[in-house]
C-alpha atoms as a PDB file:
ATOM      1  CA  MET A   1       0.000   0.000   0.000  1.00  0.00           C
ATOM      2  CA  LYS A   2       1.426   3.348  -1.071  1.00  0.00           C
ATOM      3  CA  LYS A   3       1.942   5.991   1.581  1.00  0.00           C
ATOM      4  CA  GLU A   4      -0.171   9.107   1.396  1.00  0.00           C
ATOM      5  CA  THR A   5       1.577  12.260   0.313  1.00  0.00           C
ATOM      6  CA  ILE A   6       0.751  15.904   0.891  1.00  0.00           C
ATOM      7  CA  LEU A   7       0.359  16.293  -2.859  1.00  0.00           C
ATOM      8  CA  LYS A   8      -2.290  13.557  -3.137  1.00  0.00           C
ATOM      9  CA  VAL A   9      -4.267  14.823  -0.152  1.00  0.00           C
ATOM     10  CA  MET A  10      -4.244  18.427  -1.344  1.00  0.00           C
ATOM     11  CA  LEU A  11      -5.117  17.379  -4.902  1.00  0.00           C
ATOM     12  CA  LYS A  12      -8.389  16.027  -3.523  1.00  0.00           C
ATOM     13  CA  ASP A  13      -9.077  19.403  -1.918  1.00  0.00           C
ATOM     14  CA  HIS A  14      -8.243  21.189  -5.159  1.00  0.00           C
ATOM     15  CA  GLU A  15     -10.602  18.921  -7.080  1.00  0.00           C
ATOM     16  CA  LYS A  16     -13.513  19.715  -4.752  1.00  0.00           C
ATOM     17  CA  ILE A  17     -12.827  23.449  -4.912  1.00  0.00           C
ATOM     18  CA  ALA A  18     -12.534  23.298  -8.712  1.00  0.00           C
ATOM     19  CA  LYS A  19     -15.955  21.616  -8.884  1.00  0.00           C
ATOM     20  CA  LEU A  20     -17.462  24.317  -6.695  1.00  0.00           C
ATOM     21  CA  LEU A  21     -15.844  27.028  -8.818  1.00  0.00           C
ATOM     22  CA  ASP A  22     -17.187  25.375 -11.955  1.00  0.00           C
ATOM     23  CA  GLY A  23     -20.661  25.194 -10.415  1.00  0.00           C
ATOM     24  CA  PHE A  24     -20.469  28.867  -9.482  1.00  0.00           C
ATOM     25  CA  GLU A  25     -19.339  29.846 -12.983  1.00  0.00           C
ATOM     26  CA  LYS A  26     -22.180  27.905 -14.599  1.00  0.00           C
ATOM     27  CA  CYS A  27     -24.717  29.591 -12.330  1.00  0.00           C
ATOM     28  CA  LEU A  28     -23.532  33.131 -13.155  1.00  0.00           C
ATOM     29  CA  TYR A  29     -26.354  33.745 -15.584  1.00  0.00           C
ATOM     30  CA  GLN A  30     -29.053  31.692 -13.865  1.00  0.00           C
ATOM     31  CA  ASP A  31     -31.352  32.682 -11.017  1.00  0.00           C
ATOM     32  CA  LYS A  32     -29.777  34.793  -8.266  1.00  0.00           C
ATOM     33  CA  LEU A  33     -30.829  32.505  -5.420  1.00  0.00           C
ATOM     34  CA  THR A  34     -28.983  29.496  -6.847  1.00  0.00           C
ATOM     35  CA  LEU A  35     -25.973  31.669  -7.685  1.00  0.00           C
ATOM     36  CA  LYS A  36     -25.777  32.999  -4.119  1.00  0.00           C
ATOM     37  CA  LYS A  37     -26.038  29.518  -2.573  1.00  0.00           C
ATOM     38  CA  VAL A  38     -23.306  28.083  -4.788  1.00  0.00           C
ATOM     39  CA  PHE A  39     -21.017  31.078  -4.289  1.00  0.00           C
ATOM     40  CA  ASP A  40     -21.429  31.031  -0.490  1.00  0.00           C
ATOM     41  CA  SER A  41     -20.547  27.337  -0.462  1.00  0.00           C
ATOM     42  CA  PHE A  42     -17.567  27.891  -2.761  1.00  0.00           C
ATOM     43  CA  MET A  43     -16.296  30.829  -0.689  1.00  0.00           C
ATOM     44  CA  TRP A  44     -16.621  28.888   2.586  1.00  0.00           C
ATOM     45  CA  GLU A  45     -14.767  25.829   1.278  1.00  0.00           C
ATOM     46  CA  LEU A  46     -12.014  27.900  -0.345  1.00  0.00           C
ATOM     47  CA  GLU A  47     -11.516  29.853   2.878  1.00  0.00           C
ATOM     48  CA  LYS A  48     -11.186  26.556   4.765  1.00  0.00           C
ATOM     49  CA  HIS A  49      -8.635  25.360   2.217  1.00  0.00           C
ATOM     50  CA  LEU A  50      -6.536  28.535   2.539  1.00  0.00           C
ATOM     51  CA  PHE A  51      -6.805  28.324   6.322  1.00  0.00           C
ATOM     52  CA  THR A  52      -5.512  24.743   6.197  1.00  0.00           C
ATOM     53  CA  GLU A  53      -2.507  25.768   4.137  1.00  0.00           C
ATOM     54  CA  GLU A  54      -1.624  28.757   6.286  1.00  0.00           C
ATOM     55  CA  LYS A  55      -2.203  27.237   9.720  1.00  0.00           C
ATOM     56  CA  VAL A  56      -1.078  23.672   9.072  1.00  0.00           C
ATOM     57  CA  ILE A  57       1.337  23.536   6.142  1.00  0.00           C
ATOM     58  CA  PHE A  58       3.035  26.942   6.138  1.00  0.00           C
ATOM     59  CA  THR A  59       3.867  26.687   9.844  1.00  0.00           C
ATOM     60  CA  MET A  60       5.501  23.259   9.690  1.00  0.00           C
ATOM     61  CA  TYR A  61       8.753  24.056   7.925  1.00  0.00           C
ATOM     62  CA  GLU A  62      12.055  25.302   9.374  1.00  0.00           C
ATOM     63  CA  PRO A  63      13.375  28.299   7.371  1.00  0.00           C
ATOM     64  CA  ASP A  64      17.001  27.468   8.184  1.00  0.00           C
ATOM     65  CA  GLU A  65      16.623  23.955   6.810  1.00  0.00           C
ATOM     66  CA  GLN A  66      14.323  24.533   3.832  1.00  0.00           C
ATOM     67  CA  VAL A  67      15.553  27.760   2.265  1.00  0.00           C
ATOM     68  CA  GLU A  68      13.713  27.109  -1.004  1.00  0.00           C
ATOM     69  CA  LEU A  69      10.356  26.729   0.766  1.00  0.00           C
ATOM     70  CA  HIS A  70      11.099  29.848   2.757  1.00  0.00           C
ATOM     71  CA  SER A  71      11.183  31.850  -0.495  1.00  0.00           C
ATOM     72  CA  ILE A  72       8.003  30.249  -1.889  1.00  0.00           C
ATOM     73  CA  ILE A  73       5.648  30.688   1.064  1.00  0.00           C
ATOM     74  CA  PRO A  74       5.590  34.536   1.110  1.00  0.00           C
ATOM     75  CA  GLN A  75       4.618  34.416  -2.559  1.00  0.00           C
ATOM     76  CA  LEU A  76       1.750  32.007  -1.817  1.00  0.00           C
ATOM     77  CA  MET A  77       0.598  34.172   1.093  1.00  0.00           C
ATOM     78  CA  LYS A  78       0.339  37.197  -1.215  1.00  0.00           C
ATOM     79  CA  GLU A  79      -1.707  35.139  -3.668  1.00  0.00           C
ATOM     80  CA  HIS A  80      -3.981  34.073  -0.810  1.00  0.00           C
ATOM     81  CA  GLU A  81      -4.566  37.740   0.009  1.00  0.00           C
ATOM     82  CA  LYS A  82      -5.475  38.462  -3.618  1.00  0.00           C
ATOM     83  CA  ILE A  83      -7.828  35.471  -3.743  1.00  0.00           C
ATOM     84  CA  LEU A  84      -9.614  36.539  -0.547  1.00  0.00           C
ATOM     85  CA  LYS A  85      -9.889  40.108  -1.832  1.00  0.00           C
ATOM     86  CA  TYR A  86     -11.463  38.867  -5.065  1.00  0.00           C
ATOM     87  CA  LEU A  87     -13.891  36.710  -3.071  1.00  0.00           C
ATOM     88  CA  LYS A  88     -15.095  39.696  -1.045  1.00  0.00           C
ATOM     89  CA  GLU A  89     -15.544  41.787  -4.197  1.00  0.00           C
ATOM     90  CA  LEU A  90     -17.502  39.007  -5.902  1.00  0.00           C
ATOM     91  CA  LYS A  91     -19.713  38.615  -2.841  1.00  0.00           C
ATOM     92  CA  LYS A  92     -20.542  42.344  -2.890  1.00  0.00           C
ATOM     93  CA  THR A  93     -21.318  42.169  -6.615  1.00  0.00           C
ATOM     94  CA  ILE A  94     -23.658  39.204  -6.195  1.00  0.00           C
ATOM     95  CA  LYS A  95     -25.395  40.823  -3.228  1.00  0.00           C
ATOM     96  CA  SER A  96     -26.035  44.003  -5.247  1.00  0.00           C
ATOM     97  CA  HIS A  97     -27.380  41.934  -8.211  1.00  0.00           C
ATOM     98  CA  LYS A  98     -24.811  43.433 -10.581  1.00  0.00           C
ATOM     99  CA  GLU A  99     -23.145  41.564 -13.429  1.00  0.00           C
ATOM    100  CA  CYS A 100     -20.536  39.263 -11.940  1.00  0.00           C
ATOM    101  CA  LYS A 101     -17.188  39.295 -13.751  1.00  0.00           C
ATOM    102  CA  SER A 102     -15.093  36.409 -12.505  1.00  0.00           C
ATOM    103  CA  LEU A 103     -12.560  35.813 -15.289  1.00  0.00           C
ATOM    104  CA  ASP A 104      -9.603  37.455 -13.494  1.00  0.00           C
ATOM    105  CA  PHE A 105     -10.393  35.543 -10.317  1.00  0.00           C
ATOM    106  CA  ILE A 106     -10.644  32.214 -12.142  1.00  0.00           C
ATOM    107  CA  GLU A 107      -7.335  32.820 -13.931  1.00  0.00           C
ATOM    108  CA  LEU A 108      -5.641  33.669 -10.618  1.00  0.00           C
ATOM    109  CA  PHE A 109      -7.056  30.588  -8.901  1.00  0.00           C
ATOM    110  CA  ILE A 110      -6.030  28.220 -11.720  1.00  0.00           C
ATOM    111  CA  LYS A 111      -2.511  29.684 -11.821  1.00  0.00           C
ATOM    112  CA  HIS A 112      -2.201  29.374  -8.023  1.00  0.00           C
ATOM    113  CA  LYS A 113      -3.546  25.818  -8.080  1.00  0.00           C
ATOM    114  CA  LYS A 114      -1.167  24.753 -10.852  1.00  0.00           C
ATOM    115  CA  PHE A 115       1.896  26.161  -9.078  1.00  0.00           C
ATOM    116  CA  GLU A 116       1.061  24.386  -5.839  1.00  0.00           C
ATOM    117  CA  GLU A 117       0.446  21.059  -7.559  1.00  0.00           C
ATOM    118  CA  GLU A 118       3.517  21.166  -9.792  1.00  0.00           C
ATOM    119  CA  SER A 119       6.008  22.820  -7.475  1.00  0.00           C
ATOM    120  CA  PHE A 120       5.067  23.530  -3.854  1.00  0.00           C
ATOM    121  CA  TYR A 121       3.429  20.274  -2.717  1.00  0.00           C
ATOM    122  CA  PRO A 122       6.028  18.028  -4.411  1.00  0.00           C
ATOM    123  CA  LYS A 123       8.802  20.024  -2.698  1.00  0.00           C
ATOM    124  CA  LEU A 124       7.118  19.518   0.657  1.00  0.00           C
ATOM    125  CA  ASP A 125       6.992  15.774   0.087  1.00  0.00           C
ATOM    126  CA  GLN A 126      10.664  15.766  -0.871  1.00  0.00           C
ATOM    127  CA  THR A 127      12.043  17.905   1.941  1.00  0.00           C
ATOM    128  CA  LEU A 128       9.934  17.168   5.029  1.00  0.00           C
ATOM    129  CA  ASP A 129      10.577  14.100   7.143  1.00  0.00           C
ATOM    130  CA  GLU A 130       7.972  11.329   7.342  1.00  0.00           C
ATOM    131  CA  LYS A 131       6.832  12.222  10.852  1.00  0.00           C
ATOM    132  CA  THR A 132       6.172  15.837   9.914  1.00  0.00           C
ATOM    133  CA  LYS A 133       4.365  14.839   6.716  1.00  0.00           C
ATOM    134  CA  GLU A 134       2.172  12.404   8.596  1.00  0.00           C
ATOM    135  CA  PHE A 135       1.266  15.084  11.116  1.00  0.00           C
ATOM    136  CA  ILE A 136       0.383  17.569   8.340  1.00  0.00           C
ATOM    137  CA  ILE A 137      -1.737  15.026   6.448  1.00  0.00           C
ATOM    138  CA  ASN A 138      -3.710  14.139   9.582  1.00  0.00           C
ATOM    139  CA  ARG A 139      -4.344  17.798  10.357  1.00  0.00           C
ATOM    140  CA  ILE A 140      -5.442  18.470   6.776  1.00  0.00           C
ATOM    141  CA  LYS A 141      -8.019  15.693   7.025  1.00  0.00           C
ATOM    142  CA  GLU A 142      -9.481  17.296  10.141  1.00  0.00           C
ATOM    143  CA  VAL A 143     -10.623  20.243   8.009  1.00  0.00           C
ATOM    144  CA  LYS A 144     -13.023  18.496   5.651  1.00  0.00           C
ATOM    145  CA  LEU A 145     -14.121  20.100   2.406  1.00  0.00           C
ATOM    146  CA  GLU A 146     -17.555  19.368   1.000  1.00  0.00           C
ATOM    147  CA  ASP A 147     -19.042  19.703  -2.464  1.00  0.00           C
ATOM    148  CA  SER A 148     -22.569  18.638  -1.512  1.00  0.00           C
ATOM    149  CA  SER A 149     -24.046  21.944  -2.706  1.00  0.00           C
ATOM    150  CA  LEU A 150     -23.409  20.797  -6.290  1.00  0.00           C
ATOM    151  CA  LYS A 151     -25.588  17.697  -6.064  1.00  0.00           C
ATOM    152  CA  ASN A 152     -28.738  19.617  -6.994  1.00  0.00           C
ATOM    153  CA  ILE A 153     -27.109  21.559  -9.817  1.00  0.00           C
ATOM    154  CA  LYS A 154     -27.653  19.873 -13.147  1.00  0.00           C
ATOM    155  CA  VAL A 155     -26.022  21.769 -15.990  1.00  0.00           C
ATOM    156  CA  LYS A 156     -26.699  20.620 -19.528  1.00  0.00           C
ATOM    157  CA  CYS A 157     -25.990  21.826 -23.041  1.00  0.00           C
ATOM    158  CA  SER A 158     -28.755  24.265 -23.946  1.00  0.00           C
ATOM    159  CA  GLU A 159     -29.106  22.658 -27.375  1.00  0.00           C
ATOM    160  CA  CYS A 160     -28.638  18.871 -27.139  1.00  0.00           C
ATOM    161  CA  GLY A 161     -29.137  18.388 -23.407  1.00  0.00           C
ATOM    162  CA  LYS A 162     -25.772  16.689 -22.845  1.00  0.00           C
ATOM    163  CA  LYS A 163     -24.581  16.853 -19.232  1.00  0.00           C
ATOM    164  CA  LEU A 164     -21.673  19.261 -18.908  1.00  0.00           C
ATOM    165  CA  GLY A 165     -18.775  18.188 -16.719  1.00  0.00           C
ATOM    166  CA  ILE A 166     -16.296  20.273 -14.777  1.00  0.00           C
ATOM    167  CA  PHE A 167     -15.071  23.315 -16.740  1.00  0.00           C
ATOM    168  CA  GLU A 168     -17.036  22.224 -19.807  1.00  0.00           C
ATOM    169  CA  GLY A 169     -19.500  24.426 -21.621  1.00  0.00           C
ATOM    170  CA  TYR A 170     -19.119  27.373 -23.968  1.00  0.00           C
ATOM    171  CA  HIS A 171     -20.802  30.785 -23.917  1.00  0.00           C
ATOM    172  CA  HIS A 172     -21.477  32.175 -27.395  1.00  0.00           C
ATOM    173  CA  PRO A 173     -20.794  35.945 -27.667  1.00  0.00           C
ATOM    174  CA  LYS A 174     -23.952  36.540 -29.732  1.00  0.00           C
ATOM    175  CA  ILE A 175     -26.287  34.494 -27.549  1.00  0.00           C
ATOM    176  CA  GLU A 176     -27.242  35.344 -23.979  1.00  0.00           C
ATOM    177  CA  LYS A 177     -24.503  34.227 -21.597  1.00  0.00           C
ATOM    178  CA  ARG A 178     -26.662  32.111 -19.326  1.00  0.00           C
ATOM    179  CA  TRP A 179     -26.934  29.558 -22.164  1.00  0.00           C
ATOM    180  CA  LEU A 180     -24.115  27.030 -22.292  1.00  0.00           C
ATOM    181  CA  PHE A 181     -23.233  24.751 -25.190  1.00  0.00           C
ATOM    182  CA  CYS A 182     -21.179  21.599 -25.459  1.00  0.00           C
ATOM    183  CA  LYS A 183     -18.244  21.842 -27.882  1.00  0.00           C
ATOM    184  CA  SER A 184     -20.094  20.023 -30.659  1.00  0.00           C
ATOM    185  CA  CYS A 185     -23.206  22.245 -30.565  1.00  0.00           C
ATOM    186  CA  TYR A 186     -21.089  25.376 -30.153  1.00  0.00           C
ATOM    187  CA  ASN A 187     -19.182  24.567 -33.342  1.00  0.00           C
ATOM    188  CA  LYS A 188     -22.473  24.104 -35.243  1.00  0.00           C
ATOM    189  CA  ILE A 189     -23.777  27.585 -34.456  1.00  0.00           C
ATOM    190  CA  ASP A 190     -24.189  29.641 -37.600  1.00  0.00           C
ATOM    191  CA  GLU A 191     -23.182  33.138 -36.491  1.00  0.00           C
ATOM    192  CA  LYS A 192     -24.754  34.766 -39.537  1.00  0.00           C
ATOM    193  CA  ASN A 193     -28.163  33.221 -38.992  1.00  0.00           C
ATOM    194  CA  ILE A 194     -28.542  32.937 -35.227  1.00  0.00           C
ATOM    195  CA  ASN A 195     -32.077  32.220 -34.162  1.00  0.00           C
ATOM    196  CA  LYS A 196     -32.165  31.940 -30.378  1.00  0.00           C
ATOM    197  CA  LYS A 197     -35.394  29.975 -30.316  1.00  0.00           C
ATOM    198  CA  SER A 198     -33.901  27.297 -32.577  1.00  0.00           C
ATOM    199  CA  PHE A 199     -31.079  26.728 -30.100  1.00  0.00           C
ATOM    200  CA  ILE A 200     -32.640  27.225 -26.716  1.00  0.00           C
ATOM    201  CA  ARG A 201     -34.793  24.666 -24.974  1.00  0.00           C
ATOM    202  CA  ALA A 202     -37.478  26.542 -23.104  1.00  0.00           C
ATOM    203  CA  ASN A 203     -37.448  24.894 -19.691  1.00  0.00           C
ATOM    204  CA  LYS A 204     -40.687  24.843 -17.754  1.00  0.00           C
ATOM    205  CA  TRP A 205     -40.730  25.810 -14.081  1.00  0.00           C
ATOM    206  CA  LYS A 206     -42.991  24.414 -11.387  1.00  0.00           C
ATOM    207  CA  CYS A 207     -44.229  26.292  -8.320  1.00  0.00           C
ATOM    208  CA  THR A 208     -43.360  24.194  -5.270  1.00  0.00           C
ATOM    209  CA  VAL A 209     -46.241  25.722  -3.326  1.00  0.00           C
ATOM    210  CA  CYS A 210     -49.236  25.094  -5.585  1.00  0.00           C
ATOM    211  CA  ASP A 211     -47.773  23.060  -8.517  1.00  0.00           C
ATOM    212  CA  TYR A 212     -48.531  25.780 -11.088  1.00  0.00           C
ATOM    213  CA  ILE A 213     -46.258  25.336 -14.105  1.00  0.00           C
ATOM    214  CA  TYR A 214     -44.771  28.323 -15.890  1.00  0.00           C
ATOM    215  CA  ASP A 215     -44.398  27.545 -19.599  1.00  0.00           C
ATOM    216  CA  PRO A 216     -42.158  30.038 -21.474  1.00  0.00           C
ATOM    217  CA  ALA A 217     -43.985  29.195 -24.689  1.00  0.00           C
ATOM    218  CA  LYS A 218     -47.219  30.549 -23.186  1.00  0.00           C
ATOM    219  CA  GLY A 219     -45.877  33.178 -20.805  1.00  0.00           C
ATOM    220  CA  ASP A 220     -48.265  34.833 -18.353  1.00  0.00           C
ATOM    221  CA  PRO A 221     -50.383  37.162 -20.550  1.00  0.00           C
ATOM    222  CA  LYS A 222     -52.778  38.099 -17.738  1.00  0.00           C
ATOM    223  CA  ASN A 223     -49.873  39.663 -15.886  1.00  0.00           C
ATOM    224  CA  GLY A 224     -48.189  41.243 -18.891  1.00  0.00           C
ATOM    225  CA  ILE A 225     -45.719  38.426 -19.625  1.00  0.00           C
ATOM    226  CA  GLY A 226     -45.802  37.575 -23.310  1.00  0.00           C
ATOM    227  CA  PRO A 227     -45.219  34.175 -24.951  1.00  0.00           C
ATOM    228  CA  GLY A 228     -41.548  33.311 -25.419  1.00  0.00           C
ATOM    229  CA  THR A 229     -40.438  34.892 -22.142  1.00  0.00           C
ATOM    230  CA  MET A 230     -37.864  32.703 -20.396  1.00  0.00           C
ATOM    231  CA  PHE A 231     -38.360  32.186 -16.667  1.00  0.00           C
ATOM    232  CA  GLU A 232     -34.952  33.809 -16.039  1.00  0.00           C
ATOM    233  CA  ASP A 233     -36.192  36.949 -17.835  1.00  0.00           C
ATOM    234  CA  LEU A 234     -39.245  37.386 -15.623  1.00  0.00           C
ATOM    235  CA  PRO A 235     -39.119  40.505 -13.421  1.00  0.00           C
ATOM    236  CA  ASP A 236     -37.763  39.922  -9.918  1.00  0.00           C
ATOM    237  CA  ASP A 237     -41.127  40.949  -8.460  1.00  0.00           C
ATOM    238  CA  TRP A 238     -43.107  38.497 -10.619  1.00  0.00           C
ATOM    239  CA  VAL A 239     -45.158  36.040  -8.573  1.00  0.00           C
ATOM    240  CA  CYS A 240     -47.060  32.835  -9.219  1.00  0.00           C
ATOM    241  CA  PRO A 241     -50.412  33.811 -10.776  1.00  0.00           C
ATOM    242  CA  VAL A 242     -52.170  31.102  -8.746  1.00  0.00           C
ATOM    243  CA  CYS A 243     -50.804  31.346  -5.192  1.00  0.00           C
ATOM    244  CA  GLY A 244     -48.626  34.467  -5.227  1.00  0.00           C
ATOM    245  CA  ALA A 245     -45.346  32.678  -4.424  1.00  0.00           C
ATOM    246  CA  GLY A 246     -42.115  34.387  -5.502  1.00  0.00           C
ATOM    247  CA  LYS A 247     -39.687  33.181  -8.167  1.00  0.00           C
ATOM    248  CA  ASP A 248     -37.502  31.573  -5.528  1.00  0.00           C
ATOM    249  CA  LYS A 249     -40.294  29.038  -4.879  1.00  0.00           C
ATOM    250  CA  PHE A 250     -40.101  27.664  -8.423  1.00  0.00           C
ATOM    251  CA  LYS A 251     -38.135  24.604  -9.525  1.00  0.00           C
ATOM    252  CA  LYS A 252     -36.906  23.879 -13.040  1.00  0.00           C
ATOM    253  CA  LEU A 253     -38.492  20.792 -14.629  1.00  0.00           C
END
């Protein structure tokens, strides 16, 4: 049986955080309630991960013995500060219902993740003694990361319905950003003759209070909502025409 390494244990953490980040990114142009829930979960788990690194890993080396690590850690700490700053800014943006621009944050996170996996963690495994590594691994496991918030998020290609995996899915610049396409469907889009209705599956939404079903094809004419109006495009103050429940009480079918 192979011994556990810091790299392997932290890779598992990175994988969970990457899934949460992917879930957050895919929810950027969906309903605000789902977006907030996924972002809060992502932020909490990422903060736990950074805490684990700073309080468990960064404190377990001896600068006089591991000079190379001593030069790396300040760099990682600065990146942690940038990541946390971005998180706070994103949280404010989501809370104010403004357009959420996360590209810079995602690029920073991926770069940070790659450096740790290819350089920092392997160096720890090479330079630290077995007793110290075992202690670090056990402490890391005490701070468990979860990705349970993603279980109810089902993201599919807006055209063919194919399930989209982690970091899959393409936004087309001429079609509303909340619609994601698999690579195959994205490549088939004729930019000169884009007809949104021919690409987008109009999902129906069901009120969880009274079972009323909102059908985008029909809209809600009695309340000024014309046929062809997507549920996501309904005004924030729109309510169920039967029981008066808000949009947050509806579930996608």
